[in-house]
Amino acid sequence: EEFTTVWHYFQLPVYAIVLVLVLGS
């Protein structure tokens, strides 16, 4: 609900990348 700019949405692929790299470690 606090997503107001495009930068808020850009954090989601970053979360996804970090998560797959950690879980695949």
PDBML (XML) file of the C-alpha atoms, coordinates in Angstrom:
<?xml version="1.0" encoding="UTF-8" ?>
<PDBx:datablock datablockName="MODEL"
   xmlns:PDBx="http://pdbml.pdb.org/schema/pdbx-v50.xsd"
   xmlns:xsi="http://www.w3.org/2001/XMLSchema-instance"
   xsi:schemaLocation="http://pdbml.pdb.org/schema/pdbx-v50.xsd pdbx-v50.xsd">
   <PDBx:atom_siteCategory>
      <PDBx:atom_site id="1">
         <PDBx:B_iso_or_equiv>0.00</PDBx:B_iso_or_equiv>
         <PDBx:Cartn_x>0.000</PDBx:Cartn_x>
         <PDBx:Cartn_y>0.000</PDBx:Cartn_y>
         <PDBx:Cartn_z>0.000</PDBx:Cartn_z>
         <PDBx:auth_asym_id>A</PDBx:auth_asym_id>
         <PDBx:auth_atom_id>CA</PDBx:auth_atom_id>
         <PDBx:auth_comp_id>GLU</PDBx:auth_comp_id>
         <PDBx:auth_seq_id>1</PDBx:auth_seq_id>
         <PDBx:group_PDB>ATOM</PDBx:group_PDB>
         <PDBx:label_alt_id xsi:nil="true" />
         <PDBx:label_asym_id>A</PDBx:label_asym_id>
         <PDBx:label_atom_id>CA</PDBx:label_atom_id>
         <PDBx:label_comp_id>GLU</PDBx:label_comp_id>
         <PDBx:label_entity_id>1</PDBx:label_entity_id>
         <PDBx:label_seq_id>1</PDBx:label_seq_id>
         <PDBx:occupancy>1.00</PDBx:occupancy>
         <PDBx:pdbx_PDB_model_num>1</PDBx:pdbx_PDB_model_num>
         <PDBx:type_symbol>C</PDBx:type_symbol>
      </PDBx:atom_site>
      <PDBx:atom_site id="2">
         <PDBx:B_iso_or_equiv>0.00</PDBx:B_iso_or_equiv>
         <PDBx:Cartn_x>3.042</PDBx:Cartn_x>
         <PDBx:Cartn_y>2.286</PDBx:Cartn_y>
         <PDBx:Cartn_z>0.308</PDBx:Cartn_z>
         <PDBx:auth_asym_id>A</PDBx:auth_asym_id>
         <PDBx:auth_atom_id>CA</PDBx:auth_atom_id>
         <PDBx:auth_comp_id>GLU</PDBx:auth_comp_id>
         <PDBx:auth_seq_id>2</PDBx:auth_seq_id>
         <PDBx:group_PDB>ATOM</PDBx:group_PDB>
         <PDBx:label_alt_id xsi:nil="true" />
         <PDBx:label_asym_id>A</PDBx:label_asym_id>
         <PDBx:label_atom_id>CA</PDBx:label_atom_id>
         <PDBx:label_comp_id>GLU</PDBx:label_comp_id>
         <PDBx:label_entity_id>1</PDBx:label_entity_id>
         <PDBx:label_seq_id>2</PDBx:label_seq_id>
         <PDBx:occupancy>1.00</PDBx:occupancy>
         <PDBx:pdbx_PDB_model_num>1</PDBx:pdbx_PDB_model_num>
         <PDBx:type_symbol>C</PDBx:type_symbol>
      </PDBx:atom_site>
      <PDBx:atom_site id="3">
         <PDBx:B_iso_or_equiv>0.00</PDBx:B_iso_or_equiv>
         <PDBx:Cartn_x>4.197</PDBx:Cartn_x>
         <PDBx:Cartn_y>1.656</PDBx:Cartn_y>
         <PDBx:Cartn_z>-3.270</PDBx:Cartn_z>
         <PDBx:auth_asym_id>A</PDBx:auth_asym_id>
         <PDBx:auth_atom_id>CA</PDBx:auth_atom_id>
         <PDBx:auth_comp_id>PHE</PDBx:auth_comp_id>
         <PDBx:auth_seq_id>3</PDBx:auth_seq_id>
         <PDBx:group_PDB>ATOM</PDBx:group_PDB>
         <PDBx:label_alt_id xsi:nil="true" />
         <PDBx:label_asym_id>A</PDBx:label_asym_id>
         <PDBx:label_atom_id>CA</PDBx:label_atom_id>
         <PDBx:label_comp_id>PHE</PDBx:label_comp_id>
         <PDBx:label_entity_id>1</PDBx:label_entity_id>
         <PDBx:label_seq_id>3</PDBx:label_seq_id>
         <PDBx:occupancy>1.00</PDBx:occupancy>
         <PDBx:pdbx_PDB_model_num>1</PDBx:pdbx_PDB_model_num>
         <PDBx:type_symbol>C</PDBx:type_symbol>
      </PDBx:atom_site>
      <PDBx:atom_site id="4">
         <PDBx:B_iso_or_equiv>0.00</PDBx:B_iso_or_equiv>
         <PDBx:Cartn_x>3.976</PDBx:Cartn_x>
         <PDBx:Cartn_y>5.129</PDBx:Cartn_y>
         <PDBx:Cartn_z>-4.810</PDBx:Cartn_z>
         <PDBx:auth_asym_id>A</PDBx:auth_asym_id>
         <PDBx:auth_atom_id>CA</PDBx:auth_atom_id>
         <PDBx:auth_comp_id>THR</PDBx:auth_comp_id>
         <PDBx:auth_seq_id>4</PDBx:auth_seq_id>
         <PDBx:group_PDB>ATOM</PDBx:group_PDB>
         <PDBx:label_alt_id xsi:nil="true" />
         <PDBx:label_asym_id>A</PDBx:label_asym_id>
         <PDBx:label_atom_id>CA</PDBx:label_atom_id>
         <PDBx:label_comp_id>THR</PDBx:label_comp_id>
         <PDBx:label_entity_id>1</PDBx:label_entity_id>
         <PDBx:label_seq_id>4</PDBx:label_seq_id>
         <PDBx:occupancy>1.00</PDBx:occupancy>
         <PDBx:pdbx_PDB_model_num>1</PDBx:pdbx_PDB_model_num>
         <PDBx:type_symbol>C</PDBx:type_symbol>
      </PDBx:atom_site>
      <PDBx:atom_site id="5">
         <PDBx:B_iso_or_equiv>0.00</PDBx:B_iso_or_equiv>
         <PDBx:Cartn_x>6.920</PDBx:Cartn_x>
         <PDBx:Cartn_y>5.288</PDBx:Cartn_y>
         <PDBx:Cartn_z>-7.221</PDBx:Cartn_z>
         <PDBx:auth_asym_id>A</PDBx:auth_asym_id>
         <PDBx:auth_atom_id>CA</PDBx:auth_atom_id>
         <PDBx:auth_comp_id>THR</PDBx:auth_comp_id>
         <PDBx:auth_seq_id>5</PDBx:auth_seq_id>
         <PDBx:group_PDB>ATOM</PDBx:group_PDB>
         <PDBx:label_alt_id xsi:nil="true" />
         <PDBx:label_asym_id>A</PDBx:label_asym_id>
         <PDBx:label_atom_id>CA</PDBx:label_atom_id>
         <PDBx:label_comp_id>THR</PDBx:label_comp_id>
         <PDBx:label_entity_id>1</PDBx:label_entity_id>
         <PDBx:label_seq_id>5</PDBx:label_seq_id>
         <PDBx:occupancy>1.00</PDBx:occupancy>
         <PDBx:pdbx_PDB_model_num>1</PDBx:pdbx_PDB_model_num>
         <PDBx:type_symbol>C</PDBx:type_symbol>
      </PDBx:atom_site>
      <PDBx:atom_site id="6">
         <PDBx:B_iso_or_equiv>0.00</PDBx:B_iso_or_equiv>
         <PDBx:Cartn_x>8.512</PDBx:Cartn_x>
         <PDBx:Cartn_y>2.985</PDBx:Cartn_y>
         <PDBx:Cartn_z>-9.783</PDBx:Cartn_z>
         <PDBx:auth_asym_id>A</PDBx:auth_asym_id>
         <PDBx:auth_atom_id>CA</PDBx:auth_atom_id>
         <PDBx:auth_comp_id>VAL</PDBx:auth_comp_id>
         <PDBx:auth_seq_id>6</PDBx:auth_seq_id>
         <PDBx:group_PDB>ATOM</PDBx:group_PDB>
         <PDBx:label_alt_id xsi:nil="true" />
         <PDBx:label_asym_id>A</PDBx:label_asym_id>
         <PDBx:label_atom_id>CA</PDBx:label_atom_id>
         <PDBx:label_comp_id>VAL</PDBx:label_comp_id>
         <PDBx:label_entity_id>1</PDBx:label_entity_id>
         <PDBx:label_seq_id>6</PDBx:label_seq_id>
         <PDBx:occupancy>1.00</PDBx:occupancy>
         <PDBx:pdbx_PDB_model_num>1</PDBx:pdbx_PDB_model_num>
         <PDBx:type_symbol>C</PDBx:type_symbol>
      </PDBx:atom_site>
      <PDBx:atom_site id="7">
         <PDBx:B_iso_or_equiv>0.00</PDBx:B_iso_or_equiv>
         <PDBx:Cartn_x>11.474</PDBx:Cartn_x>
         <PDBx:Cartn_y>2.514</PDBx:Cartn_y>
         <PDBx:Cartn_z>-7.432</PDBx:Cartn_z>
         <PDBx:auth_asym_id>A</PDBx:auth_asym_id>
         <PDBx:auth_atom_id>CA</PDBx:auth_atom_id>
         <PDBx:auth_comp_id>TRP</PDBx:auth_comp_id>
         <PDBx:auth_seq_id>7</PDBx:auth_seq_id>
         <PDBx:group_PDB>ATOM</PDBx:group_PDB>
         <PDBx:label_alt_id xsi:nil="true" />
         <PDBx:label_asym_id>A</PDBx:label_asym_id>
         <PDBx:label_atom_id>CA</PDBx:label_atom_id>
         <PDBx:label_comp_id>TRP</PDBx:label_comp_id>
         <PDBx:label_entity_id>1</PDBx:label_entity_id>
         <PDBx:label_seq_id>7</PDBx:label_seq_id>
         <PDBx:occupancy>1.00</PDBx:occupancy>
         <PDBx:pdbx_PDB_model_num>1</PDBx:pdbx_PDB_model_num>
         <PDBx:type_symbol>C</PDBx:type_symbol>
      </PDBx:atom_site>
      <PDBx:atom_site id="8">
         <PDBx:B_iso_or_equiv>0.00</PDBx:B_iso_or_equiv>
         <PDBx:Cartn_x>9.240</PDBx:Cartn_x>
         <PDBx:Cartn_y>0.713</PDBx:Cartn_y>
         <PDBx:Cartn_z>-4.962</PDBx:Cartn_z>
         <PDBx:auth_asym_id>A</PDBx:auth_asym_id>
         <PDBx:auth_atom_id>CA</PDBx:auth_atom_id>
         <PDBx:auth_comp_id>HIS</PDBx:auth_comp_id>
         <PDBx:auth_seq_id>8</PDBx:auth_seq_id>
         <PDBx:group_PDB>ATOM</PDBx:group_PDB>
         <PDBx:label_alt_id xsi:nil="true" />
         <PDBx:label_asym_id>A</PDBx:label_asym_id>
         <PDBx:label_atom_id>CA</PDBx:label_atom_id>
         <PDBx:label_comp_id>HIS</PDBx:label_comp_id>
         <PDBx:label_entity_id>1</PDBx:label_entity_id>
         <PDBx:label_seq_id>8</PDBx:label_seq_id>
         <PDBx:occupancy>1.00</PDBx:occupancy>
         <PDBx:pdbx_PDB_model_num>1</PDBx:pdbx_PDB_model_num>
         <PDBx:type_symbol>C</PDBx:type_symbol>
      </PDBx:atom_site>
      <PDBx:atom_site id="9">
         <PDBx:B_iso_or_equiv>0.00</PDBx:B_iso_or_equiv>
         <PDBx:Cartn_x>8.490</PDBx:Cartn_x>
         <PDBx:Cartn_y>-1.874</PDBx:Cartn_y>
         <PDBx:Cartn_z>-7.624</PDBx:Cartn_z>
         <PDBx:auth_asym_id>A</PDBx:auth_asym_id>
         <PDBx:auth_atom_id>CA</PDBx:auth_atom_id>
         <PDBx:auth_comp_id>TYR</PDBx:auth_comp_id>
         <PDBx:auth_seq_id>9</PDBx:auth_seq_id>
         <PDBx:group_PDB>ATOM</PDBx:group_PDB>
         <PDBx:label_alt_id xsi:nil="true" />
         <PDBx:label_asym_id>A</PDBx:label_asym_id>
         <PDBx:label_atom_id>CA</PDBx:label_atom_id>
         <PDBx:label_comp_id>TYR</PDBx:label_comp_id>
         <PDBx:label_entity_id>1</PDBx:label_entity_id>
         <PDBx:label_seq_id>9</PDBx:label_seq_id>
         <PDBx:occupancy>1.00</PDBx:occupancy>
         <PDBx:pdbx_PDB_model_num>1</PDBx:pdbx_PDB_model_num>
         <PDBx:type_symbol>C</PDBx:type_symbol>
      </PDBx:atom_site>
      <PDBx:atom_site id="10">
         <PDBx:B_iso_or_equiv>0.00</PDBx:B_iso_or_equiv>
         <PDBx:Cartn_x>12.142</PDBx:Cartn_x>
         <PDBx:Cartn_y>-2.244</PDBx:Cartn_y>
         <PDBx:Cartn_z>-8.613</PDBx:Cartn_z>
         <PDBx:auth_asym_id>A</PDBx:auth_asym_id>
         <PDBx:auth_atom_id>CA</PDBx:auth_atom_id>
         <PDBx:auth_comp_id>PHE</PDBx:auth_comp_id>
         <PDBx:auth_seq_id>10</PDBx:auth_seq_id>
         <PDBx:group_PDB>ATOM</PDBx:group_PDB>
         <PDBx:label_alt_id xsi:nil="true" />
         <PDBx:label_asym_id>A</PDBx:label_asym_id>
         <PDBx:label_atom_id>CA</PDBx:label_atom_id>
         <PDBx:label_comp_id>PHE</PDBx:label_comp_id>
         <PDBx:label_entity_id>1</PDBx:label_entity_id>
         <PDBx:label_seq_id>10</PDBx:label_seq_id>
         <PDBx:occupancy>1.00</PDBx:occupancy>
         <PDBx:pdbx_PDB_model_num>1</PDBx:pdbx_PDB_model_num>
         <PDBx:type_symbol>C</PDBx:type_symbol>
      </PDBx:atom_site>
      <PDBx:atom_site id="11">
         <PDBx:B_iso_or_equiv>0.00</PDBx:B_iso_or_equiv>
         <PDBx:Cartn_x>12.914</PDBx:Cartn_x>
         <PDBx:Cartn_y>-3.618</PDBx:Cartn_y>
         <PDBx:Cartn_z>-5.182</PDBx:Cartn_z>
         <PDBx:auth_asym_id>A</PDBx:auth_asym_id>
         <PDBx:auth_atom_id>CA</PDBx:auth_atom_id>
         <PDBx:auth_comp_id>GLN</PDBx:auth_comp_id>
         <PDBx:auth_seq_id>11</PDBx:auth_seq_id>
         <PDBx:group_PDB>ATOM</PDBx:group_PDB>
         <PDBx:label_alt_id xsi:nil="true" />
         <PDBx:label_asym_id>A</PDBx:label_asym_id>
         <PDBx:label_atom_id>CA</PDBx:label_atom_id>
         <PDBx:label_comp_id>GLN</PDBx:label_comp_id>
         <PDBx:label_entity_id>1</PDBx:label_entity_id>
         <PDBx:label_seq_id>11</PDBx:label_seq_id>
         <PDBx:occupancy>1.00</PDBx:occupancy>
         <PDBx:pdbx_PDB_model_num>1</PDBx:pdbx_PDB_model_num>
         <PDBx:type_symbol>C</PDBx:type_symbol>
      </PDBx:atom_site>
      <PDBx:atom_site id="12">
         <PDBx:B_iso_or_equiv>0.00</PDBx:B_iso_or_equiv>
         <PDBx:Cartn_x>10.882</PDBx:Cartn_x>
         <PDBx:Cartn_y>-6.757</PDBx:Cartn_y>
         <PDBx:Cartn_z>-5.956</PDBx:Cartn_z>
         <PDBx:auth_asym_id>A</PDBx:auth_asym_id>
         <PDBx:auth_atom_id>CA</PDBx:auth_atom_id>
         <PDBx:auth_comp_id>LEU</PDBx:auth_comp_id>
         <PDBx:auth_seq_id>12</PDBx:auth_seq_id>
         <PDBx:group_PDB>ATOM</PDBx:group_PDB>
         <PDBx:label_alt_id xsi:nil="true" />
         <PDBx:label_asym_id>A</PDBx:label_asym_id>
         <PDBx:label_atom_id>CA</PDBx:label_atom_id>
         <PDBx:label_comp_id>LEU</PDBx:label_comp_id>
         <PDBx:label_entity_id>1</PDBx:label_entity_id>
         <PDBx:label_seq_id>12</PDBx:label_seq_id>
         <PDBx:occupancy>1.00</PDBx:occupancy>
         <PDBx:pdbx_PDB_model_num>1</PDBx:pdbx_PDB_model_num>
         <PDBx:type_symbol>C</PDBx:type_symbol>
      </PDBx:atom_site>
      <PDBx:atom_site id="13">
         <PDBx:B_iso_or_equiv>0.00</PDBx:B_iso_or_equiv>
         <PDBx:Cartn_x>13.239</PDBx:Cartn_x>
         <PDBx:Cartn_y>-8.246</PDBx:Cartn_y>
         <PDBx:Cartn_z>-8.595</PDBx:Cartn_z>
         <PDBx:auth_asym_id>A</PDBx:auth_asym_id>
         <PDBx:auth_atom_id>CA</PDBx:auth_atom_id>
         <PDBx:auth_comp_id>PRO</PDBx:auth_comp_id>
         <PDBx:auth_seq_id>13</PDBx:auth_seq_id>
         <PDBx:group_PDB>ATOM</PDBx:group_PDB>
         <PDBx:label_alt_id xsi:nil="true" />
         <PDBx:label_asym_id>A</PDBx:label_asym_id>
         <PDBx:label_atom_id>CA</PDBx:label_atom_id>
         <PDBx:label_comp_id>PRO</PDBx:label_comp_id>
         <PDBx:label_entity_id>1</PDBx:label_entity_id>
         <PDBx:label_seq_id>13</PDBx:label_seq_id>
         <PDBx:occupancy>1.00</PDBx:occupancy>
         <PDBx:pdbx_PDB_model_num>1</PDBx:pdbx_PDB_model_num>
         <PDBx:type_symbol>C</PDBx:type_symbol>
      </PDBx:atom_site>
      <PDBx:atom_site id="14">
         <PDBx:B_iso_or_equiv>0.00</PDBx:B_iso_or_equiv>
         <PDBx:Cartn_x>16.121</PDBx:Cartn_x>
         <PDBx:Cartn_y>-7.421</PDBx:Cartn_y>
         <PDBx:Cartn_z>-6.236</PDBx:Cartn_z>
         <PDBx:auth_asym_id>A</PDBx:auth_asym_id>
         <PDBx:auth_atom_id>CA</PDBx:auth_atom_id>
         <PDBx:auth_comp_id>VAL</PDBx:auth_comp_id>
         <PDBx:auth_seq_id>14</PDBx:auth_seq_id>
         <PDBx:group_PDB>ATOM</PDBx:group_PDB>
         <PDBx:label_alt_id xsi:nil="true" />
         <PDBx:label_asym_id>A</PDBx:label_asym_id>
         <PDBx:label_atom_id>CA</PDBx:label_atom_id>
         <PDBx:label_comp_id>VAL</PDBx:label_comp_id>
         <PDBx:label_entity_id>1</PDBx:label_entity_id>
         <PDBx:label_seq_id>14</PDBx:label_seq_id>
         <PDBx:occupancy>1.00</PDBx:occupancy>
         <PDBx:pdbx_PDB_model_num>1</PDBx:pdbx_PDB_model_num>
         <PDBx:type_symbol>C</PDBx:type_symbol>
      </PDBx:atom_site>
      <PDBx:atom_site id="15">
         <PDBx:B_iso_or_equiv>0.00</PDBx:B_iso_or_equiv>
         <PDBx:Cartn_x>14.422</PDBx:Cartn_x>
         <PDBx:Cartn_y>-9.377</PDBx:Cartn_y>
         <PDBx:Cartn_z>-3.461</PDBx:Cartn_z>
         <PDBx:auth_asym_id>A</PDBx:auth_asym_id>
         <PDBx:auth_atom_id>CA</PDBx:auth_atom_id>
         <PDBx:auth_comp_id>TYR</PDBx:auth_comp_id>
         <PDBx:auth_seq_id>15</PDBx:auth_seq_id>
         <PDBx:group_PDB>ATOM</PDBx:group_PDB>
         <PDBx:label_alt_id xsi:nil="true" />
         <PDBx:label_asym_id>A</PDBx:label_asym_id>
         <PDBx:label_atom_id>CA</PDBx:label_atom_id>
         <PDBx:label_comp_id>TYR</PDBx:label_comp_id>
         <PDBx:label_entity_id>1</PDBx:label_entity_id>
         <PDBx:label_seq_id>15</PDBx:label_seq_id>
         <PDBx:occupancy>1.00</PDBx:occupancy>
         <PDBx:pdbx_PDB_model_num>1</PDBx:pdbx_PDB_model_num>
         <PDBx:type_symbol>C</PDBx:type_symbol>
      </PDBx:atom_site>
      <PDBx:atom_site id="16">
         <PDBx:B_iso_or_equiv>0.00</PDBx:B_iso_or_equiv>
         <PDBx:Cartn_x>13.836</PDBx:Cartn_x>
         <PDBx:Cartn_y>-12.257</PDBx:Cartn_y>
         <PDBx:Cartn_z>-5.901</PDBx:Cartn_z>
         <PDBx:auth_asym_id>A</PDBx:auth_asym_id>
         <PDBx:auth_atom_id>CA</PDBx:auth_atom_id>
         <PDBx:auth_comp_id>ALA</PDBx:auth_comp_id>
         <PDBx:auth_seq_id>16</PDBx:auth_seq_id>
         <PDBx:group_PDB>ATOM</PDBx:group_PDB>
         <PDBx:label_alt_id xsi:nil="true" />
         <PDBx:label_asym_id>A</PDBx:label_asym_id>
         <PDBx:label_atom_id>CA</PDBx:label_atom_id>
         <PDBx:label_comp_id>ALA</PDBx:label_comp_id>
         <PDBx:label_entity_id>1</PDBx:label_entity_id>
         <PDBx:label_seq_id>16</PDBx:label_seq_id>
         <PDBx:occupancy>1.00</PDBx:occupancy>
         <PDBx:pdbx_PDB_model_num>1</PDBx:pdbx_PDB_model_num>
         <PDBx:type_symbol>C</PDBx:type_symbol>
      </PDBx:atom_site>
      <PDBx:atom_site id="17">
         <PDBx:B_iso_or_equiv>0.00</PDBx:B_iso_or_equiv>
         <PDBx:Cartn_x>17.463</PDBx:Cartn_x>
         <PDBx:Cartn_y>-12.325</PDBx:Cartn_y>
         <PDBx:Cartn_z>-7.091</PDBx:Cartn_z>
         <PDBx:auth_asym_id>A</PDBx:auth_asym_id>
         <PDBx:auth_atom_id>CA</PDBx:auth_atom_id>
         <PDBx:auth_comp_id>ILE</PDBx:auth_comp_id>
         <PDBx:auth_seq_id>17</PDBx:auth_seq_id>
         <PDBx:group_PDB>ATOM</PDBx:group_PDB>
         <PDBx:label_alt_id xsi:nil="true" />
         <PDBx:label_asym_id>A</PDBx:label_asym_id>
         <PDBx:label_atom_id>CA</PDBx:label_atom_id>
         <PDBx:label_comp_id>ILE</PDBx:label_comp_id>
         <PDBx:label_entity_id>1</PDBx:label_entity_id>
         <PDBx:label_seq_id>17</PDBx:label_seq_id>
         <PDBx:occupancy>1.00</PDBx:occupancy>
         <PDBx:pdbx_PDB_model_num>1</PDBx:pdbx_PDB_model_num>
         <PDBx:type_symbol>C</PDBx:type_symbol>
      </PDBx:atom_site>
      <PDBx:atom_site id="18">
         <PDBx:B_iso_or_equiv>0.00</PDBx:B_iso_or_equiv>
         <PDBx:Cartn_x>18.851</PDBx:Cartn_x>
         <PDBx:Cartn_y>-12.288</PDBx:Cartn_y>
         <PDBx:Cartn_z>-3.550</PDBx:Cartn_z>
         <PDBx:auth_asym_id>A</PDBx:auth_asym_id>
         <PDBx:auth_atom_id>CA</PDBx:auth_atom_id>
         <PDBx:auth_comp_id>VAL</PDBx:auth_comp_id>
         <PDBx:auth_seq_id>18</PDBx:auth_seq_id>
         <PDBx:group_PDB>ATOM</PDBx:group_PDB>
         <PDBx:label_alt_id xsi:nil="true" />
         <PDBx:label_asym_id>A</PDBx:label_asym_id>
         <PDBx:label_atom_id>CA</PDBx:label_atom_id>
         <PDBx:label_comp_id>VAL</PDBx:label_comp_id>
         <PDBx:label_entity_id>1</PDBx:label_entity_id>
         <PDBx:label_seq_id>18</PDBx:label_seq_id>
         <PDBx:occupancy>1.00</PDBx:occupancy>
         <PDBx:pdbx_PDB_model_num>1</PDBx:pdbx_PDB_model_num>
         <PDBx:type_symbol>C</PDBx:type_symbol>
      </PDBx:atom_site>
      <PDBx:atom_site id="19">
         <PDBx:B_iso_or_equiv>0.00</PDBx:B_iso_or_equiv>
         <PDBx:Cartn_x>16.428</PDBx:Cartn_x>
         <PDBx:Cartn_y>-14.979</PDBx:Cartn_y>
         <PDBx:Cartn_z>-2.434</PDBx:Cartn_z>
         <PDBx:auth_asym_id>A</PDBx:auth_asym_id>
         <PDBx:auth_atom_id>CA</PDBx:auth_atom_id>
         <PDBx:auth_comp_id>LEU</PDBx:auth_comp_id>
         <PDBx:auth_seq_id>19</PDBx:auth_seq_id>
         <PDBx:group_PDB>ATOM</PDBx:group_PDB>
         <PDBx:label_alt_id xsi:nil="true" />
         <PDBx:label_asym_id>A</PDBx:label_asym_id>
         <PDBx:label_atom_id>CA</PDBx:label_atom_id>
         <PDBx:label_comp_id>LEU</PDBx:label_comp_id>
         <PDBx:label_entity_id>1</PDBx:label_entity_id>
         <PDBx:label_seq_id>19</PDBx:label_seq_id>
         <PDBx:occupancy>1.00</PDBx:occupancy>
         <PDBx:pdbx_PDB_model_num>1</PDBx:pdbx_PDB_model_num>
         <PDBx:type_symbol>C</PDBx:type_symbol>
      </PDBx:atom_site>
      <PDBx:atom_site id="20">
         <PDBx:B_iso_or_equiv>0.00</PDBx:B_iso_or_equiv>
         <PDBx:Cartn_x>17.220</PDBx:Cartn_x>
         <PDBx:Cartn_y>-17.447</PDBx:Cartn_y>
         <PDBx:Cartn_z>-5.233</PDBx:Cartn_z>
         <PDBx:auth_asym_id>A</PDBx:auth_asym_id>
         <PDBx:auth_atom_id>CA</PDBx:auth_atom_id>
         <PDBx:auth_comp_id>VAL</PDBx:auth_comp_id>
         <PDBx:auth_seq_id>20</PDBx:auth_seq_id>
         <PDBx:group_PDB>ATOM</PDBx:group_PDB>
         <PDBx:label_alt_id xsi:nil="true" />
         <PDBx:label_asym_id>A</PDBx:label_asym_id>
         <PDBx:label_atom_id>CA</PDBx:label_atom_id>
         <PDBx:label_comp_id>VAL</PDBx:label_comp_id>
         <PDBx:label_entity_id>1</PDBx:label_entity_id>
         <PDBx:label_seq_id>20</PDBx:label_seq_id>
         <PDBx:occupancy>1.00</PDBx:occupancy>
         <PDBx:pdbx_PDB_model_num>1</PDBx:pdbx_PDB_model_num>
         <PDBx:type_symbol>C</PDBx:type_symbol>
      </PDBx:atom_site>
      <PDBx:atom_site id="21">
         <PDBx:B_iso_or_equiv>0.00</PDBx:B_iso_or_equiv>
         <PDBx:Cartn_x>20.966</PDBx:Cartn_x>
         <PDBx:Cartn_y>-16.930</PDBx:Cartn_y>
         <PDBx:Cartn_z>-4.744</PDBx:Cartn_z>
         <PDBx:auth_asym_id>A</PDBx:auth_asym_id>
         <PDBx:auth_atom_id>CA</PDBx:auth_atom_id>
         <PDBx:auth_comp_id>LEU</PDBx:auth_comp_id>
         <PDBx:auth_seq_id>21</PDBx:auth_seq_id>
         <PDBx:group_PDB>ATOM</PDBx:group_PDB>
         <PDBx:label_alt_id xsi:nil="true" />
         <PDBx:label_asym_id>A</PDBx:label_asym_id>
         <PDBx:label_atom_id>CA</PDBx:label_atom_id>
         <PDBx:label_comp_id>LEU</PDBx:label_comp_id>
         <PDBx:label_entity_id>1</PDBx:label_entity_id>
         <PDBx:label_seq_id>21</PDBx:label_seq_id>
         <PDBx:occupancy>1.00</PDBx:occupancy>
         <PDBx:pdbx_PDB_model_num>1</PDBx:pdbx_PDB_model_num>
         <PDBx:type_symbol>C</PDBx:type_symbol>
      </PDBx:atom_site>
      <PDBx:atom_site id="22">
         <PDBx:B_iso_or_equiv>0.00</PDBx:B_iso_or_equiv>
         <PDBx:Cartn_x>20.702</PDBx:Cartn_x>
         <PDBx:Cartn_y>-17.562</PDBx:Cartn_y>
         <PDBx:Cartn_z>-1.005</PDBx:Cartn_z>
         <PDBx:auth_asym_id>A</PDBx:auth_asym_id>
         <PDBx:auth_atom_id>CA</PDBx:auth_atom_id>
         <PDBx:auth_comp_id>VAL</PDBx:auth_comp_id>
         <PDBx:auth_seq_id>22</PDBx:auth_seq_id>
         <PDBx:group_PDB>ATOM</PDBx:group_PDB>
         <PDBx:label_alt_id xsi:nil="true" />
         <PDBx:label_asym_id>A</PDBx:label_asym_id>
         <PDBx:label_atom_id>CA</PDBx:label_atom_id>
         <PDBx:label_comp_id>VAL</PDBx:label_comp_id>
         <PDBx:label_entity_id>1</PDBx:label_entity_id>
         <PDBx:label_seq_id>22</PDBx:label_seq_id>
         <PDBx:occupancy>1.00</PDBx:occupancy>
         <PDBx:pdbx_PDB_model_num>1</PDBx:pdbx_PDB_model_num>
         <PDBx:type_symbol>C</PDBx:type_symbol>
      </PDBx:atom_site>
      <PDBx:atom_site id="23">
         <PDBx:B_iso_or_equiv>0.00</PDBx:B_iso_or_equiv>
         <PDBx:Cartn_x>18.387</PDBx:Cartn_x>
         <PDBx:Cartn_y>-20.579</PDBx:Cartn_y>
         <PDBx:Cartn_z>-1.269</PDBx:Cartn_z>
         <PDBx:auth_asym_id>A</PDBx:auth_asym_id>
         <PDBx:auth_atom_id>CA</PDBx:auth_atom_id>
         <PDBx:auth_comp_id>LEU</PDBx:auth_comp_id>
         <PDBx:auth_seq_id>23</PDBx:auth_seq_id>
         <PDBx:group_PDB>ATOM</PDBx:group_PDB>
         <PDBx:label_alt_id xsi:nil="true" />
         <PDBx:label_asym_id>A</PDBx:label_asym_id>
         <PDBx:label_atom_id>CA</PDBx:label_atom_id>
         <PDBx:label_comp_id>LEU</PDBx:label_comp_id>
         <PDBx:label_entity_id>1</PDBx:label_entity_id>
         <PDBx:label_seq_id>23</PDBx:label_seq_id>
         <PDBx:occupancy>1.00</PDBx:occupancy>
         <PDBx:pdbx_PDB_model_num>1</PDBx:pdbx_PDB_model_num>
         <PDBx:type_symbol>C</PDBx:type_symbol>
      </PDBx:atom_site>
      <PDBx:atom_site id="24">
         <PDBx:B_iso_or_equiv>0.00</PDBx:B_iso_or_equiv>
         <PDBx:Cartn_x>20.513</PDBx:Cartn_x>
         <PDBx:Cartn_y>-22.044</PDBx:Cartn_y>
         <PDBx:Cartn_z>-4.061</PDBx:Cartn_z>
         <PDBx:auth_asym_id>A</PDBx:auth_asym_id>
         <PDBx:auth_atom_id>CA</PDBx:auth_atom_id>
         <PDBx:auth_comp_id>GLY</PDBx:auth_comp_id>
         <PDBx:auth_seq_id>24</PDBx:auth_seq_id>
         <PDBx:group_PDB>ATOM</PDBx:group_PDB>
         <PDBx:label_alt_id xsi:nil="true" />
         <PDBx:label_asym_id>A</PDBx:label_asym_id>
         <PDBx:label_atom_id>CA</PDBx:label_atom_id>
         <PDBx:label_comp_id>GLY</PDBx:label_comp_id>
         <PDBx:label_entity_id>1</PDBx:label_entity_id>
         <PDBx:label_seq_id>24</PDBx:label_seq_id>
         <PDBx:occupancy>1.00</PDBx:occupancy>
         <PDBx:pdbx_PDB_model_num>1</PDBx:pdbx_PDB_model_num>
         <PDBx:type_symbol>C</PDBx:type_symbol>
      </PDBx:atom_site>
      <PDBx:atom_site id="25">
         <PDBx:B_iso_or_equiv>0.00</PDBx:B_iso_or_equiv>
         <PDBx:Cartn_x>23.710</PDBx:Cartn_x>
         <PDBx:Cartn_y>-21.676</PDBx:Cartn_y>
         <PDBx:Cartn_z>-2.035</PDBx:Cartn_z>
         <PDBx:auth_asym_id>A</PDBx:auth_asym_id>
         <PDBx:auth_atom_id>CA</PDBx:auth_atom_id>
         <PDBx:auth_comp_id>SER</PDBx:auth_comp_id>
         <PDBx:auth_seq_id>25</PDBx:auth_seq_id>
         <PDBx:group_PDB>ATOM</PDBx:group_PDB>
         <PDBx:label_alt_id xsi:nil="true" />
         <PDBx:label_asym_id>A</PDBx:label_asym_id>
         <PDBx:label_atom_id>CA</PDBx:label_atom_id>
         <PDBx:label_comp_id>SER</PDBx:label_comp_id>
         <PDBx:label_entity_id>1</PDBx:label_entity_id>
         <PDBx:label_seq_id>25</PDBx:label_seq_id>
         <PDBx:occupancy>1.00</PDBx:occupancy>
         <PDBx:pdbx_PDB_model_num>1</PDBx:pdbx_PDB_model_num>
         <PDBx:type_symbol>C</PDBx:type_symbol>
      </PDBx:atom_site>
   </PDBx:atom_siteCategory>
</PDBx:datablock>
